[in-house]
C-alpha atoms as a PDB file:
ATOM      1  CA  MET A   1     -33.999  32.583 315.510  1.00  0.00           C
ATOM      2  CA  PHE A   2     -31.753  35.696 316.080  1.00  0.00           C
ATOM      3  CA  ARG A   3     -30.611  34.110 318.881  1.00  0.00           C
ATOM      4  CA  ARG A   4     -28.835  31.454 317.229  1.00  0.00           C
ATOM      5  CA  TYR A   5     -27.967  33.573 314.637  1.00  0.00           C
ATOM      6  CA  ALA A   6     -26.289  36.197 317.173  1.00  0.00           C
ATOM      7  CA  LEU A   7     -24.601  33.547 318.678  1.00  0.00           C
ATOM      8  CA  GLN A   8     -23.024  31.707 315.919  1.00  0.00           C
ATOM      9  CA  SER A   9     -22.104  35.089 314.108  1.00  0.00           C
ATOM     10  CA  ALA A  10     -20.256  35.898 318.138  1.00  0.00           C
ATOM     11  CA  LEU A  11     -18.497  32.495 317.793  1.00  0.00           C
ATOM     12  CA  ALA A  12     -16.850  32.886 314.203  1.00  0.00           C
ATOM     13  CA  LEU A  13     -15.901  36.715 315.105  1.00  0.00           C
ATOM     14  CA  VAL A  14     -14.133  35.264 318.105  1.00  0.00           C
ATOM     15  CA  ALA A  15     -12.384  32.619 316.107  1.00  0.00           C
ATOM     16  CA  VAL A  16     -11.214  35.060 313.083  1.00  0.00           C
ATOM     17  CA  THR A  17     -10.200  37.109 315.730  1.00  0.00           C
ATOM     18  CA  THR A  18      -7.844  34.155 317.252  1.00  0.00           C
ATOM     19  CA  LEU A  19      -6.959  32.920 314.773  1.00  0.00           C
ATOM     20  CA  GLY A  20      -5.548  36.318 313.026  1.00  0.00           C
ATOM     21  CA  ALA A  21      -3.861  37.027 316.606  1.00  0.00           C
ATOM     22  CA  CYS A  22      -2.105  33.487 315.538  1.00  0.00           C
ATOM     23  CA  ALA A  23      -1.494  34.417 311.492  1.00  0.00           C
ATOM     24  CA  THR A  24       0.735  37.461 312.935  1.00  0.00           C
ATOM     25  CA  ASN A  25       3.661  36.171 314.096  1.00  0.00           C
ATOM     26  CA  ALA A  26       6.088  38.705 315.855  1.00  0.00           C
ATOM     27  CA  SER A  27       8.901  39.724 313.324  1.00  0.00           C
ATOM     28  CA  ALA A  28      11.289  37.199 312.440  1.00  0.00           C
ATOM     29  CA  PRO A  29      14.610  37.083 313.956  1.00  0.00           C
ATOM     30  CA  GLN A  30      17.379  38.668 311.661  1.00  0.00           C
ATOM     31  CA  THR A  31      20.949  38.452 311.090  1.00  0.00           C
ATOM     32  CA  LEU A  32      23.690  39.853 312.406  1.00  0.00           C
ATOM     33  CA  ALA A  33      24.032  42.518 309.275  1.00  0.00           C
ATOM     34  CA  GLU A  34      20.997  43.384 309.798  1.00  0.00           C
ATOM     35  CA  THR A  35      20.750  43.482 313.133  1.00  0.00           C
ATOM     36  CA  VAL A  36      24.047  45.905 313.098  1.00  0.00           C
ATOM     37  CA  ALA A  37      22.323  47.569 310.774  1.00  0.00           C
ATOM     38  CA  LYS A  38      19.160  48.340 312.472  1.00  0.00           C
ATOM     39  CA  THR A  39      21.148  49.744 315.894  1.00  0.00           C
ATOM     40  CA  SER A  40      21.129  53.183 316.066  1.00  0.00           C
ATOM     41  CA  SER A  41      24.552  53.351 318.363  1.00  0.00           C
ATOM     42  CA  LEU A  42      26.432  51.456 315.314  1.00  0.00           C
ATOM     43  CA  LYS A  43      26.144  53.004 311.902  1.00  0.00           C
ATOM     44  CA  THR A  44      29.995  53.436 312.111  1.00  0.00           C
ATOM     45  CA  PHE A  45      30.493  49.772 312.240  1.00  0.00           C
ATOM     46  CA  ASN A  46      28.110  49.204 310.068  1.00  0.00           C
ATOM     47  CA  ALA A  47      29.806  51.189 307.489  1.00  0.00           C
ATOM     48  CA  LEU A  48      32.653  49.965 307.669  1.00  0.00           C
ATOM     49  CA  VAL A  49      31.808  45.583 307.829  1.00  0.00           C
ATOM     50  CA  ALA A  50      30.313  47.051 304.405  1.00  0.00           C
ATOM     51  CA  GLU A  51      33.330  49.048 302.673  1.00  0.00           C
ATOM     52  CA  ALA A  52      35.442  45.491 304.340  1.00  0.00           C
ATOM     53  CA  GLY A  53      33.274  43.119 302.354  1.00  0.00           C
ATOM     54  CA  MET A  54      32.242  41.043 305.198  1.00  0.00           C
ATOM     55  CA  THR A  55      28.158  41.380 305.094  1.00  0.00           C
ATOM     56  CA  GLU A  56      27.810  37.943 303.659  1.00  0.00           C
ATOM     57  CA  THR A  57      30.100  37.281 306.668  1.00  0.00           C
ATOM     58  CA  LEU A  58      27.399  38.444 309.035  1.00  0.00           C
ATOM     59  CA  LYS A  59      24.516  36.811 306.767  1.00  0.00           C
ATOM     60  CA  ALA A  60      25.834  33.942 306.862  1.00  0.00           C
ATOM     61  CA  ALA A  61      24.750  31.216 309.355  1.00  0.00           C
ATOM     62  CA  GLY A  62      27.577  31.328 312.066  1.00  0.00           C
ATOM     63  CA  PRO A  63      27.356  31.351 315.085  1.00  0.00           C
ATOM     64  CA  TYR A  64      29.006  34.489 315.413  1.00  0.00           C
ATOM     65  CA  THR A  65      28.914  37.142 318.563  1.00  0.00           C
ATOM     66  CA  VAL A  66      30.385  40.574 316.858  1.00  0.00           C
ATOM     67  CA  PHE A  67      31.878  43.109 319.673  1.00  0.00           C
ATOM     68  CA  ALA A  68      31.094  46.047 317.887  1.00  0.00           C
ATOM     69  CA  PRO A  69      32.526  49.415 318.504  1.00  0.00           C
ATOM     70  CA  SER A  70      29.606  52.178 319.174  1.00  0.00           C
ATOM     71  CA  ASP A  71      29.766  55.515 317.040  1.00  0.00           C
ATOM     72  CA  MET A  72      31.485  57.130 320.299  1.00  0.00           C
ATOM     73  CA  ALA A  73      34.487  54.550 320.348  1.00  0.00           C
ATOM     74  CA  PHE A  74      34.646  55.612 316.707  1.00  0.00           C
ATOM     75  CA  GLU A  75      35.217  59.231 317.495  1.00  0.00           C
ATOM     76  CA  ALA A  76      37.722  58.080 319.671  1.00  0.00           C
ATOM     77  CA  VAL A  77      40.078  56.929 316.719  1.00  0.00           C
ATOM     78  CA  PRO A  78      42.357  59.570 315.428  1.00  0.00           C
ATOM     79  CA  ALA A  79      40.625  60.479 311.839  1.00  0.00           C
ATOM     80  CA  LYS A  80      44.215  59.357 310.304  1.00  0.00           C
ATOM     81  CA  THR A  81      43.808  55.867 311.441  1.00  0.00           C
ATOM     82  CA  LEU A  82      39.850  55.665 309.971  1.00  0.00           C
ATOM     83  CA  ASP A  83      41.717  56.723 306.823  1.00  0.00           C
ATOM     84  CA  ALA A  84      44.554  54.505 307.009  1.00  0.00           C
ATOM     85  CA  LEU A  85      41.765  52.103 307.516  1.00  0.00           C
ATOM     86  CA  LYS A  86      39.605  52.810 304.933  1.00  0.00           C
ATOM     87  CA  ALA A  87      42.392  53.114 302.743  1.00  0.00           C
ATOM     88  CA  ASP A  88      43.696  49.804 303.049  1.00  0.00           C
ATOM     89  CA  LYS A  89      40.664  46.845 302.553  1.00  0.00           C
ATOM     90  CA  ALA A  90      42.590  44.303 303.756  1.00  0.00           C
ATOM     91  CA  LEU A  91      43.563  45.949 307.299  1.00  0.00           C
ATOM     92  CA  LEU A  92      39.854  46.921 307.362  1.00  0.00           C
ATOM     93  CA  LYS A  93      38.694  43.454 307.078  1.00  0.00           C
ATOM     94  CA  ALA A  94      41.058  42.524 309.200  1.00  0.00           C
ATOM     95  CA  VAL A  95      40.239  45.136 312.400  1.00  0.00           C
ATOM     96  CA  VAL A  96      36.209  43.928 311.402  1.00  0.00           C
ATOM     97  CA  SER A  97      37.325  40.749 311.151  1.00  0.00           C
ATOM     98  CA  TYR A  98      38.581  41.035 314.915  1.00  0.00           C
ATOM     99  CA  HIS A  99      36.199  41.914 316.206  1.00  0.00           C
ATOM    100  CA  ILE A 100      34.229  38.869 315.414  1.00  0.00           C
ATOM    101  CA  VAL A 101      33.721  35.139 317.342  1.00  0.00           C
ATOM    102  CA  PRO A 102      32.947  32.234 315.617  1.00  0.00           C
ATOM    103  CA  SER A 103      30.819  31.287 318.520  1.00  0.00           C
ATOM    104  CA  ARG A 104      27.378  32.288 320.092  1.00  0.00           C
ATOM    105  CA  MET A 105      28.446  33.910 323.608  1.00  0.00           C
ATOM    106  CA  ALA A 106      25.669  36.069 325.459  1.00  0.00           C
ATOM    107  CA  SER A 107      27.126  37.756 328.351  1.00  0.00           C
ATOM    108  CA  LYS A 108      26.249  35.692 330.750  1.00  0.00           C
ATOM    109  CA  ASP A 109      28.394  32.636 329.030  1.00  0.00           C
ATOM    110  CA  VAL A 110      31.706  34.668 328.877  1.00  0.00           C
ATOM    111  CA  LYS A 111      34.510  33.209 331.145  1.00  0.00           C
ATOM    112  CA  PRO A 112      37.179  35.018 332.104  1.00  0.00           C
ATOM    113  CA  GLY A 113      39.896  33.697 329.375  1.00  0.00           C
ATOM    114  CA  ASN A 114      41.028  33.942 325.263  1.00  0.00           C
ATOM    115  CA  VAL A 115      38.911  33.496 322.469  1.00  0.00           C
ATOM    116  CA  LYS A 116      40.171  33.397 319.203  1.00  0.00           C
ATOM    117  CA  THR A 117      38.402  35.836 316.337  1.00  0.00           C
ATOM    118  CA  LEU A 118      37.910  35.437 313.026  1.00  0.00           C
ATOM    119  CA  GLU A 119      40.818  37.745 312.316  1.00  0.00           C
ATOM    120  CA  GLY A 120      42.628  34.532 313.609  1.00  0.00           C
ATOM    121  CA  ALA A 121      43.981  35.980 316.602  1.00  0.00           C
ATOM    122  CA  THR A 122      42.952  36.038 319.923  1.00  0.00           C
ATOM    123  CA  ILE A 123      41.331  38.301 322.275  1.00  0.00           C
ATOM    124  CA  ALA A 124      41.459  38.468 326.149  1.00  0.00           C
ATOM    125  CA  LEU A 125      37.609  38.256 327.908  1.00  0.00           C
ATOM    126  CA  ALA A 126      36.759  38.905 331.750  1.00  0.00           C
ATOM    127  CA  ARG A 127      33.298  38.874 333.180  1.00  0.00           C
ATOM    128  CA  ALA A 128      32.524  40.455 337.205  1.00  0.00           C
ATOM    129  CA  GLY A 129      28.155  40.169 338.055  1.00  0.00           C
ATOM    130  CA  ASN A 130      27.648  41.523 334.658  1.00  0.00           C
ATOM    131  CA  PHE A 131      30.234  43.624 333.536  1.00  0.00           C
ATOM    132  CA  VAL A 132      31.878  42.223 330.912  1.00  0.00           C
ATOM    133  CA  THR A 133      34.930  42.958 328.889  1.00  0.00           C
ATOM    134  CA  VAL A 134      36.874  42.006 325.405  1.00  0.00           C
ATOM    135  CA  GLU A 135      40.435  43.546 325.924  1.00  0.00           C
ATOM    136  CA  ASP A 136      40.321  47.146 327.316  1.00  0.00           C
ATOM    137  CA  ALA A 137      36.972  47.847 325.779  1.00  0.00           C
ATOM    138  CA  MET A 138      33.423  47.148 327.892  1.00  0.00           C
ATOM    139  CA  VAL A 139      30.595  46.028 327.131  1.00  0.00           C
ATOM    140  CA  GLU A 140      28.477  48.561 326.776  1.00  0.00           C
ATOM    141  CA  GLN A 141      25.304  46.608 325.548  1.00  0.00           C
ATOM    142  CA  ALA A 142      24.846  43.841 325.761  1.00  0.00           C
ATOM    143  CA  ASP A 143      23.044  40.328 324.329  1.00  0.00           C
ATOM    144  CA  ILE A 144      21.508  41.964 321.205  1.00  0.00           C
ATOM    145  CA  ALA A 145      19.775  38.796 319.215  1.00  0.00           C
ATOM    146  CA  ALA A 146      19.921  37.707 316.202  1.00  0.00           C
ATOM    147  CA  SER A 147      18.998  34.501 314.432  1.00  0.00           C
ATOM    148  CA  ASN A 148      22.525  33.754 313.690  1.00  0.00           C
ATOM    149  CA  GLY A 149      24.976  34.984 316.855  1.00  0.00           C
ATOM    150  CA  VAL A 150      24.625  37.638 319.201  1.00  0.00           C
ATOM    151  CA  VAL A 151      25.847  41.523 319.383  1.00  0.00           C
ATOM    152  CA  HIS A 152      27.180  42.997 322.146  1.00  0.00           C
ATOM    153  CA  VAL A 153      28.255  46.745 322.288  1.00  0.00           C
ATOM    154  CA  VAL A 154      31.263  47.615 323.224  1.00  0.00           C
ATOM    155  CA  ASP A 155      33.014  51.772 323.610  1.00  0.00           C
ATOM    156  CA  ARG A 156      36.604  51.030 322.886  1.00  0.00           C
ATOM    157  CA  VAL A 157      37.732  49.823 318.587  1.00  0.00           C
ATOM    158  CA  MET A 158      40.146  46.737 318.905  1.00  0.00           C
ATOM    159  CA  MET A 159      43.380  46.408 316.921  1.00  0.00           C
ATOM    160  CA  PRO A 160      44.786  42.896 315.843  1.00  0.00           C
ATOM    161  CA  PRO A 161      48.093  42.936 316.681  1.00  0.00           C
ATOM    162  CA  LYS A 162      50.610  43.609 313.764  1.00  0.00           C
ATOM    163  CA  LYS A 163      51.364  40.149 312.176  1.00  0.00           C
ATOM    164  CA  LYS A 164      55.501  39.272 311.660  1.00  0.00           C
END
């Protein structure tokens, strides 16, 4: 009799453990906004996205590809230029939008050529083996997945062409 209860208890414990493991799923996919916010090397870009009023765009369905300049990339930008961006919200929004392509592109999918950005201008993409470039910026960290797109960390801040 004891054996039967011990066996039933053991089976019940295995079943509960198995079901518990199934219930604890991996963390839910995050939006681009959340992904950028949680990427430690993108603090400056994240702050500028918020200042430009683009956070909701990066939460939207997308899909988008974000070529996000790293904090080190922003260190190379003259302070006077950053101050001018922060003072001119339209220019700031144009610069942030210039780093976003309205489609999902993993690094393996990049083909040499031009693609249109959310800002409206085109950027030149190229790939050689595992190396991907965007204009004159190099992708330092590729394929950070999000539920509504992908983030690639780049080593330069790209400026959109001046509108005439």
